[in-house]
Structures are given as structure tokens and as C-alpha cells.
Amino acid sequence: MNEYHGRIFALLLAAANIVFDYAKVRTVVEDRRSMLVALLASCRFIRNNPAGAIACMRSTSPCLRQRSPCTRSSRQAAAASA
């Protein structure tokens, strides 16, 4: 059971990150002062568009991107050029 605690924590942290990021964007775009209203609106947006919201965050978050097998790390590129 303990091996899944880290995964569950990571998923909860990612979910909170998505909600707060959308709330920040909504606050800036609508020039609001109430963060609570923006949080509720971001929850509604994610509930209504879950696939789009997750895909958008996945494409912009460096820790959620899938690494292509063709991509070389900077160490591998430096070793290849030396």
C-alpha cells in the first residue's frame, strides 16, 4: 500500500496545480480581485473540459511531457560532439 502513496500524492498535487493555474489565468484575464470566484470558475472549467484542460497542462508542464526516444539529453549531445 505504501508504494501507491507517492503516486496518489503526485496526482493530487498535479490536480491542485491545474486548478490554481487556471484560476490565476482567469484572475488576470478578467481583472478580478476575488480569487475564490476564480477558483470556483476554474473548477467548473476543468469539470466541463477535463480532456482539454489536462492536455493543455501536459503540453506546457516539463514534468508531464513524454520524452521522445529520438531526443538526446544535453550530456549525450555533448559526448557525441566531443
C-alpha atoms as a PDB file:
ATOM      1  CA  MET A   1       0.000   0.000   0.000  1.00  0.00           C
ATOM      2  CA  ASN A   2       2.863   2.404   0.710  1.00  0.00           C
ATOM      3  CA  GLU A   3       4.147   2.274  -2.867  1.00  0.00           C
ATOM      4  CA  TYR A   4       0.982   3.968  -4.104  1.00  0.00           C
ATOM      5  CA  HIS A   5       1.088   6.855  -1.630  1.00  0.00           C
ATOM      6  CA  GLY A   6       3.664   8.713  -3.714  1.00  0.00           C
ATOM      7  CA  ARG A   7       1.623   8.313  -6.882  1.00  0.00           C
ATOM      8  CA  ILE A   8      -1.575   9.436  -5.191  1.00  0.00           C
ATOM      9  CA  PHE A   9       0.212  12.445  -3.705  1.00  0.00           C
ATOM     10  CA  ALA A  10       1.646  13.345  -7.125  1.00  0.00           C
ATOM     11  CA  LEU A  11      -1.789  13.137  -8.755  1.00  0.00           C
ATOM     12  CA  LEU A  12      -3.368  15.302  -6.066  1.00  0.00           C
ATOM     13  CA  LEU A  13      -0.561  17.823  -6.366  1.00  0.00           C
ATOM     14  CA  ALA A  14      -0.948  17.920 -10.162  1.00  0.00           C
ATOM     15  CA  ALA A  15      -4.724  18.380  -9.829  1.00  0.00           C
ATOM     16  CA  ALA A  16      -4.266  21.269  -7.396  1.00  0.00           C
ATOM     17  CA  ASN A  17      -1.664  22.799  -9.698  1.00  0.00           C
ATOM     18  CA  ILE A  18      -4.043  22.677 -12.660  1.00  0.00           C
ATOM     19  CA  VAL A  19      -6.887  24.263 -10.669  1.00  0.00           C
ATOM     20  CA  PHE A  20      -4.710  27.071  -9.310  1.00  0.00           C
ATOM     21  CA  ASP A  21      -3.073  27.756 -12.675  1.00  0.00           C
ATOM     22  CA  TYR A  22      -6.422  28.163 -14.390  1.00  0.00           C
ATOM     23  CA  ALA A  23      -7.603  30.358 -11.510  1.00  0.00           C
ATOM     24  CA  LYS A  24      -4.544  32.599 -11.905  1.00  0.00           C
ATOM     25  CA  VAL A  25      -5.195  32.963 -15.626  1.00  0.00           C
ATOM     26  CA  ARG A  26      -8.855  33.764 -15.076  1.00  0.00           C
ATOM     27  CA  THR A  27      -7.987  36.326 -12.417  1.00  0.00           C
ATOM     28  CA  VAL A  28      -5.614  38.149 -14.737  1.00  0.00           C
ATOM     29  CA  VAL A  29      -7.767  37.942 -17.865  1.00  0.00           C
ATOM     30  CA  GLU A  30     -10.931  39.155 -16.154  1.00  0.00           C
ATOM     31  CA  ASP A  31      -9.095  41.625 -13.894  1.00  0.00           C
ATOM     32  CA  ARG A  32     -10.779  40.250 -10.794  1.00  0.00           C
ATOM     33  CA  ARG A  33      -9.874  40.742  -7.171  1.00  0.00           C
ATOM     34  CA  SER A  34     -11.670  37.706  -5.791  1.00  0.00           C
ATOM     35  CA  MET A  35      -9.521  34.609  -6.030  1.00  0.00           C
ATOM     36  CA  LEU A  36     -12.312  32.471  -4.580  1.00  0.00           C
ATOM     37  CA  VAL A  37     -14.586  33.208  -7.547  1.00  0.00           C
ATOM     38  CA  ALA A  38     -11.714  32.443  -9.913  1.00  0.00           C
ATOM     39  CA  LEU A  39     -11.028  29.124  -8.116  1.00  0.00           C
ATOM     40  CA  LEU A  40     -14.667  28.095  -8.434  1.00  0.00           C
ATOM     41  CA  ALA A  41     -14.711  29.101 -12.096  1.00  0.00           C
ATOM     42  CA  SER A  42     -11.533  27.122 -12.793  1.00  0.00           C
ATOM     43  CA  CYS A  43     -13.063  24.051 -11.129  1.00  0.00           C
ATOM     44  CA  ARG A  44     -16.137  24.453 -13.338  1.00  0.00           C
ATOM     45  CA  PHE A  45     -13.976  24.844 -16.435  1.00  0.00           C
ATOM     46  CA  ILE A  46     -11.944  21.716 -15.649  1.00  0.00           C
ATOM     47  CA  ARG A  47     -15.114  19.761 -14.847  1.00  0.00           C
ATOM     48  CA  ASN A  48     -16.665  20.776 -18.187  1.00  0.00           C
ATOM     49  CA  ASN A  49     -13.465  20.323 -20.262  1.00  0.00           C
ATOM     50  CA  PRO A  50     -11.323  17.692 -18.495  1.00  0.00           C
ATOM     51  CA  ALA A  51      -9.518  16.323 -21.543  1.00  0.00           C
ATOM     52  CA  GLY A  52      -8.660  19.741 -22.934  1.00  0.00           C
ATOM     53  CA  ALA A  53      -7.512  21.092 -19.582  1.00  0.00           C
ATOM     54  CA  ILE A  54      -5.266  18.099 -18.908  1.00  0.00           C
ATOM     55  CA  ALA A  55      -3.878  18.109 -22.447  1.00  0.00           C
ATOM     56  CA  CYS A  56      -3.060  21.811 -22.208  1.00  0.00           C
ATOM     57  CA  MET A  57      -1.285  21.405 -18.876  1.00  0.00           C
ATOM     58  CA  ARG A  58       0.505  18.293 -20.067  1.00  0.00           C
ATOM     59  CA  SER A  59       1.869  20.080 -23.114  1.00  0.00           C
ATOM     60  CA  THR A  60       3.178  23.018 -21.093  1.00  0.00           C
ATOM     61  CA  SER A  61       4.439  21.289 -17.962  1.00  0.00           C
ATOM     62  CA  PRO A  62       8.005  19.975 -18.286  1.00  0.00           C
ATOM     63  CA  CYS A  63       7.491  17.185 -15.751  1.00  0.00           C
ATOM     64  CA  LEU A  64       4.407  15.833 -17.555  1.00  0.00           C
ATOM     65  CA  ARG A  65       5.794  15.790 -21.089  1.00  0.00           C
ATOM     66  CA  GLN A  66       6.605  12.442 -22.576  1.00  0.00           C
ATOM     67  CA  ARG A  67      10.160  12.181 -23.714  1.00  0.00           C
ATOM     68  CA  SER A  68      10.659  11.202 -27.310  1.00  0.00           C
ATOM     69  CA  PRO A  69      13.025   8.265 -27.894  1.00  0.00           C
ATOM     70  CA  CYS A  70      14.827  10.390 -30.505  1.00  0.00           C
ATOM     71  CA  THR A  71      15.565  13.177 -28.034  1.00  0.00           C
ATOM     72  CA  ARG A  72      19.058  13.210 -26.626  1.00  0.00           C
ATOM     73  CA  SER A  73      19.937  14.711 -23.299  1.00  0.00           C
ATOM     74  CA  SER A  74      22.492  17.506 -23.151  1.00  0.00           C
ATOM     75  CA  ARG A  75      25.087  15.087 -21.761  1.00  0.00           C
ATOM     76  CA  GLN A  76      24.580  12.684 -24.653  1.00  0.00           C
ATOM     77  CA  ALA A  77      24.777  15.528 -27.170  1.00  0.00           C
ATOM     78  CA  ALA A  78      27.982  16.867 -25.576  1.00  0.00           C
ATOM     79  CA  ALA A  79      29.529  13.395 -25.573  1.00  0.00           C
ATOM     80  CA  ALA A  80      28.604  12.859 -29.215  1.00  0.00           C
ATOM     81  CA  SER A  81      30.117  16.160 -30.303  1.00  0.00           C
ATOM     82  CA  ALA A  82      33.398  15.621 -28.377  1.00  0.00           C
END
